[in-house]
C-alpha atoms as a PDB file:
ATOM      1  CA  UNK A   1      -3.099 -30.160 -18.333  1.00  0.00           C
ATOM      2  CA  UNK A   2      -0.385 -28.068 -16.656  1.00  0.00           C
ATOM      3  CA  UNK A   3      -0.391 -24.438 -17.777  1.00  0.00           C
ATOM      4  CA  UNK A   4       2.803 -23.424 -19.513  1.00  0.00           C
ATOM      5  CA  UNK A   5       4.581 -20.301 -18.337  1.00  0.00           C
ATOM      6  CA  UNK A   6       4.573 -17.483 -20.861  1.00  0.00           C
ATOM      7  CA  UNK A   7       7.594 -17.504 -23.142  1.00  0.00           C
ATOM      8  CA  UNK A   8      10.440 -15.364 -21.863  1.00  0.00           C
ATOM      9  CA  UNK A   9      11.401 -12.921 -24.564  1.00  0.00           C
ATOM     10  CA  UNK A  10      14.617 -10.875 -24.686  1.00  0.00           C
ATOM     11  CA  UNK A  11      12.882  -7.700 -23.494  1.00  0.00           C
ATOM     12  CA  UNK A  12      11.427  -9.446 -20.434  1.00  0.00           C
ATOM     13  CA  UNK A  13      14.839 -10.899 -19.582  1.00  0.00           C
ATOM     14  CA  UNK A  14      16.431  -7.461 -19.920  1.00  0.00           C
ATOM     15  CA  UNK A  15      13.812  -5.853 -17.659  1.00  0.00           C
ATOM     16  CA  UNK A  16      14.238  -8.601 -15.053  1.00  0.00           C
ATOM     17  CA  UNK A  17      18.011  -8.109 -15.133  1.00  0.00           C
ATOM     18  CA  UNK A  18      17.652  -4.318 -14.784  1.00  0.00           C
ATOM     19  CA  UNK A  19      15.283  -4.695 -11.829  1.00  0.00           C
ATOM     20  CA  UNK A  20      17.790  -7.048 -10.194  1.00  0.00           C
ATOM     21  CA  UNK A  21      20.593  -4.534 -10.726  1.00  0.00           C
ATOM     22  CA  UNK A  22      18.520  -1.696  -9.262  1.00  0.00           C
ATOM     23  CA  UNK A  23      17.632  -3.806  -6.212  1.00  0.00           C
ATOM     24  CA  UNK A  24      21.251  -4.886  -5.659  1.00  0.00           C
ATOM     25  CA  UNK A  25      22.555  -1.322  -5.926  1.00  0.00           C
ATOM     26  CA  UNK A  26      19.841  -0.036  -3.598  1.00  0.00           C
ATOM     27  CA  UNK A  27      20.656  -2.701  -0.979  1.00  0.00           C
ATOM     28  CA  UNK A  28      24.371  -1.967  -1.254  1.00  0.00           C
ATOM     29  CA  UNK A  29      23.843   1.759  -0.701  1.00  0.00           C
ATOM     30  CA  UNK A  30      21.312   1.098   2.066  1.00  0.00           C
ATOM     31  CA  UNK A  31      23.805  -1.115   3.925  1.00  0.00           C
ATOM     32  CA  UNK A  32      26.530   1.531   3.549  1.00  0.00           C
ATOM     33  CA  UNK A  33      24.213   4.308   4.774  1.00  0.00           C
ATOM     34  CA  UNK A  34      23.103   2.187   7.725  1.00  0.00           C
ATOM     35  CA  UNK A  35      26.725   1.473   8.677  1.00  0.00           C
ATOM     36  CA  UNK A  36      27.455   5.227   8.759  1.00  0.00           C
ATOM     37  CA  UNK A  37      24.831   5.416  11.524  1.00  0.00           C
ATOM     38  CA  UNK A  38      26.294   2.341  13.277  1.00  0.00           C
ATOM     39  CA  UNK A  39      23.294   0.255  12.228  1.00  0.00           C
ATOM     40  CA  UNK A  40      22.974  -2.992  10.346  1.00  0.00           C
ATOM     41  CA  UNK A  41      20.739  -3.008   7.294  1.00  0.00           C
ATOM     42  CA  UNK A  42      18.124  -4.981   9.251  1.00  0.00           C
ATOM     43  CA  UNK A  43      18.190  -2.474  12.122  1.00  0.00           C
ATOM     44  CA  UNK A  44      17.802   0.395   9.652  1.00  0.00           C
ATOM     45  CA  UNK A  45      14.819  -1.312   7.983  1.00  0.00           C
ATOM     46  CA  UNK A  46      13.107  -1.882  11.350  1.00  0.00           C
ATOM     47  CA  UNK A  47      13.763   1.734  12.317  1.00  0.00           C
ATOM     48  CA  UNK A  48      12.279   2.921   9.000  1.00  0.00           C
ATOM     49  CA  UNK A  49       9.164   0.777   9.538  1.00  0.00           C
ATOM     50  CA  UNK A  50       8.691   2.075  13.057  1.00  0.00           C
ATOM     51  CA  UNK A  51       9.206   5.674  11.934  1.00  0.00           C
ATOM     52  CA  UNK A  52       5.929   5.256  10.025  1.00  0.00           C
ATOM     53  CA  UNK A  53       3.972   3.700  12.893  1.00  0.00           C
ATOM     54  CA  UNK A  54       4.430   1.632  16.055  1.00  0.00           C
ATOM     55  CA  UNK A  55       3.799  -2.077  15.542  1.00  0.00           C
ATOM     56  CA  UNK A  56       4.026  -5.420  17.324  1.00  0.00           C
ATOM     57  CA  UNK A  57       7.039  -7.655  16.730  1.00  0.00           C
ATOM     58  CA  UNK A  58       4.962 -10.197  14.823  1.00  0.00           C
ATOM     59  CA  UNK A  59       3.907  -7.578  12.266  1.00  0.00           C
ATOM     60  CA  UNK A  60       7.481  -6.325  11.867  1.00  0.00           C
ATOM     61  CA  UNK A  61       8.558  -9.928  11.214  1.00  0.00           C
ATOM     62  CA  UNK A  62       5.806 -10.347   8.613  1.00  0.00           C
ATOM     63  CA  UNK A  63       6.833  -7.162   6.816  1.00  0.00           C
ATOM     64  CA  UNK A  64      10.509  -8.151   6.837  1.00  0.00           C
ATOM     65  CA  UNK A  65       9.706 -11.801   6.079  1.00  0.00           C
ATOM     66  CA  UNK A  66      11.736 -13.130   8.985  1.00  0.00           C
ATOM     67  CA  UNK A  67      11.220 -14.884  12.309  1.00  0.00           C
ATOM     68  CA  UNK A  68       9.788 -12.890  15.253  1.00  0.00           C
ATOM     69  CA  UNK A  69      12.776 -14.006  17.373  1.00  0.00           C
ATOM     70  CA  UNK A  70      15.098 -12.180  14.932  1.00  0.00           C
ATOM     71  CA  UNK A  71      13.006  -9.037  15.278  1.00  0.00           C
ATOM     72  CA  UNK A  72      13.170  -9.258  19.068  1.00  0.00           C
ATOM     73  CA  UNK A  73      16.975  -9.182  18.925  1.00  0.00           C
ATOM     74  CA  UNK A  74      16.980  -6.260  16.493  1.00  0.00           C
ATOM     75  CA  UNK A  75      14.536  -4.283  18.629  1.00  0.00           C
ATOM     76  CA  UNK A  76      16.574  -5.100  21.760  1.00  0.00           C
ATOM     77  CA  UNK A  77      19.668  -3.553  20.159  1.00  0.00           C
ATOM     78  CA  UNK A  78      17.752  -0.505  18.912  1.00  0.00           C
ATOM     79  CA  UNK A  79      16.194  -0.085  22.343  1.00  0.00           C
ATOM     80  CA  UNK A  80      19.644  -0.247  23.996  1.00  0.00           C
ATOM     81  CA  UNK A  81      20.608   2.746  21.822  1.00  0.00           C
ATOM     82  CA  UNK A  82      17.392   4.623  22.748  1.00  0.00           C
ATOM     83  CA  UNK A  83      16.200   4.547  19.130  1.00  0.00           C
ATOM     84  CA  UNK A  84      13.049   2.544  19.881  1.00  0.00           C
ATOM     85  CA  UNK A  85      10.978   1.713  22.929  1.00  0.00           C
ATOM     86  CA  UNK A  86       8.416  -0.901  23.814  1.00  0.00           C
ATOM     87  CA  UNK A  87       5.007   0.233  24.975  1.00  0.00           C
ATOM     88  CA  UNK A  88       1.620  -1.376  25.571  1.00  0.00           C
ATOM     89  CA  UNK A  89      -0.792  -1.418  22.637  1.00  0.00           C
ATOM     90  CA  UNK A  90      -3.704   0.882  23.581  1.00  0.00           C
ATOM     91  CA  UNK A  91      -6.099  -1.500  21.776  1.00  0.00           C
ATOM     92  CA  UNK A  92      -4.819  -4.594  23.632  1.00  0.00           C
ATOM     93  CA  UNK A  93      -2.609  -3.998  26.655  1.00  0.00           C
ATOM     94  CA  UNK A  94      -1.361  -7.612  26.499  1.00  0.00           C
ATOM     95  CA  UNK A  95       0.456  -6.747  23.253  1.00  0.00           C
ATOM     96  CA  UNK A  96       3.691  -4.754  23.249  1.00  0.00           C
ATOM     97  CA  UNK A  97       4.355  -2.346  20.416  1.00  0.00           C
ATOM     98  CA  UNK A  98       7.793  -1.305  19.266  1.00  0.00           C
ATOM     99  CA  UNK A  99       7.782   2.449  18.704  1.00  0.00           C
ATOM    100  CA  UNK A 100      10.445   4.819  17.449  1.00  0.00           C
ATOM    101  CA  UNK A 101      11.754   7.455  19.858  1.00  0.00           C
ATOM    102  CA  UNK A 102      12.463  11.048  18.834  1.00  0.00           C
ATOM    103  CA  UNK A 103      16.137  10.137  18.490  1.00  0.00           C
ATOM    104  CA  UNK A 104      15.190   7.101  16.397  1.00  0.00           C
ATOM    105  CA  UNK A 105      12.965   9.189  14.130  1.00  0.00           C
ATOM    106  CA  UNK A 106      15.785  11.694  13.598  1.00  0.00           C
ATOM    107  CA  UNK A 107      18.275   8.898  12.852  1.00  0.00           C
ATOM    108  CA  UNK A 108      15.860   7.304  10.390  1.00  0.00           C
ATOM    109  CA  UNK A 109      15.330  10.662   8.642  1.00  0.00           C
ATOM    110  CA  UNK A 110      19.105  11.289   8.367  1.00  0.00           C
ATOM    111  CA  UNK A 111      19.612   7.805   6.970  1.00  0.00           C
ATOM    112  CA  UNK A 112      16.809   8.262   4.435  1.00  0.00           C
ATOM    113  CA  UNK A 113      18.256  11.625   3.367  1.00  0.00           C
ATOM    114  CA  UNK A 114      21.662  10.040   2.773  1.00  0.00           C
ATOM    115  CA  UNK A 115      20.267   7.574   0.205  1.00  0.00           C
ATOM    116  CA  UNK A 116      21.129   9.176  -3.121  1.00  0.00           C
ATOM    117  CA  UNK A 117      21.148   6.163  -5.439  1.00  0.00           C
ATOM    118  CA  UNK A 118      17.431   6.118  -6.204  1.00  0.00           C
ATOM    119  CA  UNK A 119      16.758   9.839  -5.811  1.00  0.00           C
ATOM    120  CA  UNK A 120      19.371  11.058  -8.274  1.00  0.00           C
ATOM    121  CA  UNK A 121      18.229   8.986 -11.288  1.00  0.00           C
ATOM    122  CA  UNK A 122      14.581   9.607 -10.420  1.00  0.00           C
ATOM    123  CA  UNK A 123      15.217  13.359 -10.398  1.00  0.00           C
ATOM    124  CA  UNK A 124      16.022  13.062 -14.102  1.00  0.00           C
ATOM    125  CA  UNK A 125      12.506  11.775 -14.786  1.00  0.00           C
ATOM    126  CA  UNK A 126       9.501  14.027 -15.171  1.00  0.00           C
ATOM    127  CA  UNK A 127       6.630  13.856 -12.686  1.00  0.00           C
ATOM    128  CA  UNK A 128       4.636  12.014 -15.350  1.00  0.00           C
ATOM    129  CA  UNK A 129       7.417   9.447 -15.850  1.00  0.00           C
ATOM    130  CA  UNK A 130       7.850   8.916 -12.088  1.00  0.00           C
ATOM    131  CA  UNK A 131       4.087   8.490 -11.733  1.00  0.00           C
ATOM    132  CA  UNK A 132       4.041   5.947 -14.573  1.00  0.00           C
ATOM    133  CA  UNK A 133       6.982   4.065 -13.044  1.00  0.00           C
ATOM    134  CA  UNK A 134       5.301   4.016  -9.627  1.00  0.00           C
ATOM    135  CA  UNK A 135       2.046   2.780 -11.117  1.00  0.00           C
ATOM    136  CA  UNK A 136       3.787   0.037 -13.100  1.00  0.00           C
ATOM    137  CA  UNK A 137       5.750  -1.126 -10.042  1.00  0.00           C
ATOM    138  CA  UNK A 138       2.561  -1.186  -7.937  1.00  0.00           C
ATOM    139  CA  UNK A 139       0.832  -3.165 -10.659  1.00  0.00           C
ATOM    140  CA  UNK A 140       3.709  -5.660 -10.786  1.00  0.00           C
ATOM    141  CA  UNK A 141       3.465  -6.083  -7.009  1.00  0.00           C
ATOM    142  CA  UNK A 142      -0.297  -6.435  -7.103  1.00  0.00           C
ATOM    143  CA  UNK A 143      -0.885  -3.348  -4.937  1.00  0.00           C
END
């Protein structure tokens, strides 16, 4: 017997719609902020990932859910602007890591600081409410 999906009640539909609206608004603002730094949204996302830690192209592609060949082109363009560099992986010198440069880290920080959409509404929530929201989102994502 095929399991039936749980019934979709009005509250669930409303929450799904609100999440979709939040995501769409975040992406819109992210694209606008990236453009102010002469970056595409994809370039900005790669830069943000690399600002956390250097990683091989394959891992960047997995995180962005795209083809490694796309990541290579993005990294090429970021490298041409001196925002990232390629370097050997100390654990396996056959592997190249993409790593953010100082200029890339500064650009990523300025871009992150210019994103007001999520920060402003979250500032209106108490620490307890933000913690509860974070925990619920992590639970939804299975983290």
